């Protein structure tokens, strides 16, 4: 619903290979943790919008799954989510780690003709001379992009990127109320925080086979109560998630609760159970249970 007016407003799809720093960038710009962040690839599974008001413009950032293919129904859904983001977008950020070569960018150029800004992340890892050398790799493609902006999410200074973005947005009223930060519900954000804890606290192979269903979310005056299920595909994975004497699920629950309480600004009671749903990533009906509707 369009409620406010502004000189400019538009949708910006944030695209890049897995683990390029898309969700980290969005959280850093918002100064709020709403997008799942993990050093493990494939953490982001569906689109979500982050709403940024900058001067007299509204920039709606669309977080997207990483560019990759594996072959399951879930992977197909993730690729469709990325393509839907591009269809919505007025502009694209193509994110690349400054350490990477231009191969991923060249693949992007082969399939996308949308106006875009190249955003080189993690620049703090390099000296000034090395940064300039790596930026120069993109010089042969300068006619294809609108701008190239190196950033550091650690420093948190995104003025150059936002200024470059606003220059290329269309004249349009605001799409969202300026007080809104995301199109996700609080329930969905809590789910993503539990998933982030799974990626953070469990061994590499399990989080890709796991997801979360929030069965109940009730708000109270002093404490909110959340009942959720961690769903895996095999008995062996369930054993890992629970851990010896329940140690692993306790770590996941503690980390989840910490993030959720920080986000909500109040105490939270969180109950996590673990169940098996065989091959859930490869069934359309099962995917819908997790909110991955085609």
Protein backbone atom coordinates (compact mmCIF):
# COMPACT_ATOMS: atom_id res chain seq x y z
CA UNK A 1 0.00 0.00 0.00
CA UNK A 2 1.37 3.41 -0.96
CA UNK A 3 0.97 5.74 1.99
CA UNK A 4 3.62 8.42 1.76
CA UNK A 5 4.97 10.45 -1.07
CA UNK A 6 8.55 11.01 -2.01
CA UNK A 7 10.52 12.34 -4.91
CA UNK A 8 11.96 8.87 -5.53
CA UNK A 9 11.25 5.24 -4.60
CA UNK A 10 12.18 1.89 -6.08
CA UNK A 11 13.09 -1.75 -5.63
CA UNK A 12 16.72 -2.88 -5.59
CA UNK A 13 17.45 -6.60 -5.94
CA UNK A 14 20.60 -7.63 -4.05
CA UNK A 15 22.25 -10.34 -6.17
CA UNK A 16 25.47 -12.30 -5.85
CA UNK A 17 26.95 -15.71 -5.31
CA UNK A 18 26.31 -17.49 -2.03
CA UNK A 19 28.19 -16.00 0.91
CA UNK A 20 28.95 -12.71 -0.88
CA UNK A 21 27.58 -10.74 2.07
CA UNK A 22 24.08 -9.83 0.83
CA UNK A 23 22.27 -10.30 4.14
CA UNK A 24 25.13 -8.75 6.10
CA UNK A 25 24.92 -5.64 3.91
CA UNK A 26 21.15 -5.32 4.35
CA UNK A 27 21.33 -5.66 8.14
CA UNK A 28 24.17 -3.14 8.30
CA UNK A 29 22.30 -0.55 6.23
CA UNK A 30 19.13 -1.00 8.32
CA UNK A 31 21.10 -1.12 11.59
CA UNK A 32 18.74 -3.94 12.50
CA UNK A 33 19.19 -7.70 12.28
CA UNK A 34 16.33 -8.97 10.13
CA UNK A 35 18.12 -11.03 7.44
CA UNK A 36 19.69 -14.40 8.21
CA UNK A 37 23.49 -14.17 8.27
CA UNK A 38 25.81 -17.18 8.07
CA UNK A 39 29.30 -17.88 6.78
CA UNK A 40 27.84 -21.09 5.35
CA UNK A 41 26.51 -20.95 1.79
CA UNK A 42 22.81 -21.25 0.99
CA UNK A 43 21.41 -19.78 4.21
CA UNK A 44 18.97 -17.38 2.52
CA UNK A 45 16.10 -19.32 0.97
CA UNK A 46 13.44 -16.80 0.03
CA UNK A 47 12.98 -13.17 -0.87
CA UNK A 48 12.50 -10.57 1.81
CA UNK A 49 12.31 -6.82 1.57
CA UNK A 50 14.18 -4.32 3.71
CA UNK A 51 12.84 -0.77 3.63
CA UNK A 52 15.39 2.03 3.77
CA UNK A 53 14.48 5.70 3.93
CA UNK A 54 17.38 7.84 2.79
CA UNK A 55 16.90 11.60 2.54
CA UNK A 56 13.84 12.05 0.29
CA UNK A 57 13.90 8.56 -1.18
CA UNK A 58 12.72 5.10 -0.26
CA UNK A 59 15.01 2.22 -1.25
CA UNK A 60 13.37 -1.21 -0.99
CA UNK A 61 16.20 -3.75 -0.86
CA UNK A 62 15.25 -7.29 -1.88
CA UNK A 63 17.42 -9.96 -0.25
CA UNK A 64 17.74 -13.00 -2.52
CA UNK A 65 19.08 -16.56 -2.37
CA UNK A 66 22.61 -16.96 -3.70
CA UNK A 67 23.30 -17.86 -7.31
CA UNK A 68 23.73 -21.63 -7.31
CA UNK A 69 22.05 -24.86 -8.42
CA UNK A 70 21.67 -28.19 -6.65
CA UNK A 71 18.62 -29.88 -8.21
CA UNK A 72 16.04 -30.28 -5.44
CA UNK A 73 12.59 -28.66 -5.40
CA UNK A 74 13.84 -26.28 -2.70
CA UNK A 75 16.76 -25.24 -4.92
CA UNK A 76 14.35 -24.66 -7.81
CA UNK A 77 12.23 -22.48 -5.51
CA UNK A 78 15.30 -20.49 -4.46
CA UNK A 79 16.27 -19.85 -8.08
CA UNK A 80 12.71 -18.74 -8.87
CA UNK A 81 12.83 -16.37 -5.91
CA UNK A 82 15.95 -14.78 -7.33
CA UNK A 83 14.32 -14.41 -10.75
CA UNK A 84 11.18 -12.88 -9.20
CA UNK A 85 13.38 -10.36 -7.43
CA UNK A 86 14.88 -9.33 -10.75
CA UNK A 87 11.42 -8.99 -12.28
CA UNK A 88 10.39 -6.62 -9.48
CA UNK A 89 13.57 -4.59 -9.50
CA UNK A 90 14.15 -1.11 -10.82
CA UNK A 91 17.84 -1.53 -10.07
CA UNK A 92 20.24 -4.29 -9.03
CA UNK A 93 23.17 -4.44 -6.64
CA UNK A 94 25.60 -7.08 -7.87
CA UNK A 95 27.63 -8.03 -4.79
CA UNK A 96 31.05 -9.62 -5.05
CA UNK A 97 33.74 -10.24 -2.47
CA UNK A 98 36.69 -8.02 -3.36
CA UNK A 99 38.83 -11.16 -3.23
CA UNK A 100 36.89 -12.78 -6.10
CA UNK A 101 37.74 -12.62 -9.77
CA UNK A 102 35.13 -11.38 -12.27
CA UNK A 103 33.85 -14.81 -13.35
CA UNK A 104 30.58 -14.58 -11.38
CA UNK A 105 30.00 -11.05 -12.66
CA UNK A 106 30.52 -12.16 -16.24
CA UNK A 107 27.94 -14.92 -15.75
CA UNK A 108 25.56 -12.32 -14.32
CA UNK A 109 26.06 -10.08 -17.36
CA UNK A 110 25.25 -12.99 -19.67
CA UNK A 111 21.73 -13.36 -18.25
CA UNK A 112 20.78 -9.93 -16.87
CA UNK A 113 20.35 -6.66 -18.73
CA UNK A 114 18.96 -4.64 -15.82
CA UNK A 115 20.68 -1.42 -14.74
CA UNK A 116 23.00 -2.28 -11.86
CA UNK A 117 25.66 -1.12 -9.45
CA UNK A 118 28.66 -3.33 -8.70
CA UNK A 119 29.21 -3.50 -4.94
CA UNK A 120 32.56 -4.90 -3.82
CA UNK A 121 32.41 -6.15 -0.24
CA UNK A 122 34.98 -6.86 2.49
CA UNK A 123 37.34 -4.12 1.33
CA UNK A 124 38.92 -3.95 4.80
CA UNK A 125 40.79 -7.15 4.00
CA UNK A 126 43.05 -5.30 1.54
CA UNK A 127 45.48 -2.42 1.46
CA UNK A 128 44.57 0.67 -0.56
CA UNK A 129 46.93 -0.35 -3.37
CA UNK A 130 45.45 -3.84 -3.51
CA UNK A 131 41.91 -2.46 -3.53
CA UNK A 132 42.70 -0.28 -6.53
CA UNK A 133 44.21 -3.25 -8.36
CA UNK A 134 41.13 -5.38 -7.72
CA UNK A 135 38.72 -2.60 -8.67
CA UNK A 136 40.61 -2.26 -11.96
CA UNK A 137 39.53 -5.79 -12.88
CA UNK A 138 36.06 -4.38 -13.56
CA UNK A 139 37.28 -1.58 -15.83
CA UNK A 140 36.67 -3.59 -19.05
CA UNK A 141 32.97 -3.79 -18.05
CA UNK A 142 32.54 -0.11 -17.16
CA UNK A 143 30.06 0.48 -19.98
CA UNK A 144 27.75 -2.17 -18.48
CA UNK A 145 27.35 -0.87 -14.91
CA UNK A 146 26.02 2.41 -13.56
CA UNK A 147 28.59 2.63 -10.81
CA UNK A 148 31.09 0.63 -8.77
CA UNK A 149 31.19 1.12 -5.01
CA UNK A 150 33.55 -0.67 -2.59
CA UNK A 151 32.10 -1.03 0.92
CA UNK A 152 32.88 -2.26 4.40
CA UNK A 153 29.94 -3.54 6.43
CA UNK A 154 32.17 -3.33 9.52
CA UNK A 155 32.64 0.41 9.10
CA UNK A 156 28.94 0.95 8.44
CA UNK A 157 29.39 3.91 6.11
CA UNK A 158 27.05 3.40 3.15
CA UNK A 159 26.52 7.02 2.12
CA UNK A 160 28.35 6.59 -1.20
CA UNK A 161 26.31 3.51 -2.09
CA UNK A 162 22.98 5.09 -1.10
CA UNK A 163 23.76 8.32 -2.95
CA UNK A 164 24.62 6.33 -6.10
CA UNK A 165 21.40 4.33 -5.69
CA UNK A 166 19.11 7.33 -5.31
CA UNK A 167 20.51 8.85 -8.51
CA UNK A 168 19.08 5.95 -10.51
CA UNK A 169 15.69 5.42 -8.81
CA UNK A 170 12.48 6.48 -10.59
CA UNK A 171 10.27 9.33 -9.44
CA UNK A 172 7.58 7.59 -7.38
CA UNK A 173 5.61 7.83 -4.11
CA UNK A 174 6.77 5.70 -1.19
CA UNK A 175 5.67 2.07 -1.42
CA UNK A 176 5.72 1.52 2.36
CA UNK A 177 5.17 3.48 5.54
CA UNK A 178 8.55 5.06 6.44
CA UNK A 179 8.40 3.44 9.90
CA UNK A 180 8.38 -0.09 8.43
CA UNK A 181 11.66 -1.98 8.17
CA UNK A 182 10.61 -5.15 6.34
CA UNK A 183 7.73 -6.96 4.71
CA UNK A 184 8.31 -9.96 6.99
CA UNK A 185 6.04 -10.52 9.99
CA UNK A 186 7.57 -10.75 13.46
CA UNK A 187 6.77 -14.47 13.39
CA UNK A 188 8.76 -14.91 10.16
CA UNK A 189 11.72 -12.94 11.52
CA UNK A 190 11.77 -15.18 14.61
CA UNK A 191 11.79 -18.25 12.36
CA UNK A 192 14.79 -16.87 10.47
CA UNK A 193 16.63 -16.20 13.72
CA UNK A 194 16.12 -19.81 14.79
CA UNK A 195 17.43 -20.94 11.40
CA UNK A 196 20.45 -18.69 11.82
CA UNK A 197 21.18 -20.34 15.16
CA UNK A 198 21.01 -23.75 13.45
CA UNK A 199 23.62 -22.63 10.91
CA UNK A 200 25.74 -21.10 13.65
CA UNK A 201 25.68 -23.89 16.22
CA UNK A 202 25.51 -27.13 14.22
CA UNK A 203 27.96 -29.00 12.01
CA UNK A 204 28.11 -28.12 8.33
CA UNK A 205 25.90 -30.81 6.83
CA UNK A 206 22.82 -30.51 9.08
CA UNK A 207 21.52 -26.92 8.52
CA UNK A 208 21.03 -27.52 4.78
CA UNK A 209 18.68 -30.39 5.60
CA UNK A 210 16.88 -28.50 8.37
CA UNK A 211 14.22 -25.85 8.56
CA UNK A 212 11.84 -24.39 11.14
CA UNK A 213 8.07 -24.28 11.55
CA UNK A 214 6.74 -21.80 14.12
CA UNK A 215 3.60 -23.44 15.50
CA UNK A 216 2.65 -20.72 17.95
CA UNK A 217 3.65 -17.12 18.65
CA UNK A 218 1.83 -15.32 21.45
CA UNK A 219 2.61 -11.85 22.74
CA UNK A 220 2.40 -11.07 26.42
CA UNK A 221 2.80 -7.89 28.42
CA UNK A 222 6.13 -9.03 29.89
CA UNK A 223 7.10 -12.09 27.89
CA UNK A 224 6.38 -13.52 24.44
CA UNK A 225 5.99 -17.28 23.99
CA UNK A 226 7.19 -19.14 20.90
CA UNK A 227 6.72 -22.84 20.17
CA UNK A 228 8.63 -24.08 17.13
CA UNK A 229 9.78 -27.28 15.46
CA UNK A 230 13.14 -27.94 13.88
CA UNK A 231 12.49 -30.31 10.96
CA UNK A 232 15.19 -32.59 9.52
CA UNK A 233 15.18 -35.41 6.98
CA UNK A 234 16.89 -38.30 8.80
CA UNK A 235 17.12 -39.90 12.23
CA UNK A 236 20.89 -39.32 12.25
CA UNK A 237 20.31 -35.59 11.68
CA UNK A 238 17.76 -35.47 14.50
CA UNK A 239 20.34 -36.99 16.83
CA UNK A 240 22.88 -34.30 15.87
CA UNK A 241 20.37 -31.47 16.37
CA UNK A 242 19.42 -32.77 19.81
CA UNK A 243 22.98 -33.62 20.83
CA UNK A 244 24.21 -35.60 23.80
CA UNK A 245 21.81 -35.05 26.66
CA UNK A 246 20.08 -32.32 24.64
CA UNK A 247 23.23 -30.17 24.56
CA UNK A 248 23.00 -29.12 20.89
CA UNK A 249 19.34 -28.09 20.90
CA UNK A 250 19.99 -26.14 24.11
CA UNK A 251 22.77 -24.20 22.34
CA UNK A 252 20.48 -23.51 19.40
CA UNK A 253 17.66 -22.42 21.70
CA UNK A 254 19.91 -20.16 23.76
CA UNK A 255 21.34 -18.44 20.68
CA UNK A 256 17.88 -18.10 19.10
CA UNK A 257 16.37 -16.63 22.24
CA UNK A 258 19.23 -14.15 22.59
CA UNK A 259 18.70 -12.81 19.04
CA UNK A 260 14.91 -12.74 19.32
CA UNK A 261 14.96 -10.92 22.67
CA UNK A 262 17.36 -8.32 21.28
CA UNK A 263 15.06 -7.79 18.29
CA UNK A 264 11.81 -7.66 20.28
CA UNK A 265 13.24 -5.75 23.22
CA UNK A 266 11.59 -8.05 25.78
CA UNK A 267 11.87 -11.48 27.39
CA UNK A 268 11.00 -14.56 25.34
CA UNK A 269 10.04 -18.11 26.27
CA UNK A 270 11.16 -20.38 23.43
CA UNK A 271 10.30 -24.07 23.16
CA UNK A 272 12.03 -26.08 20.42
CA UNK A 273 11.24 -29.65 19.41
CA UNK A 274 12.82 -31.75 16.66
CA UNK A 275 11.03 -33.99 14.17
CA UNK A 276 11.76 -35.92 10.99
CA UNK A 277 10.05 -35.18 7.67
CA UNK A 278 11.74 -37.36 5.09
CA UNK A 279 12.90 -35.67 1.89
CA UNK A 280 10.99 -32.48 2.72
CA UNK A 281 13.24 -30.40 0.43
CA UNK A 282 12.05 -32.31 -2.63
CA UNK A 283 8.28 -32.19 -2.18
CA UNK A 284 6.08 -29.28 -3.25
CA UNK A 285 3.48 -29.89 -0.53
CA UNK A 286 6.11 -30.07 2.19
CA UNK A 287 7.80 -26.89 0.95
CA UNK A 288 4.54 -25.00 1.34
CA UNK A 289 4.49 -25.93 5.04
CA UNK A 290 7.68 -23.94 5.46
CA UNK A 291 6.40 -20.92 3.56
CA UNK A 292 8.19 -21.77 0.30
CA UNK A 293 5.17 -21.41 -1.95
CA UNK A 294 5.79 -21.35 -5.69
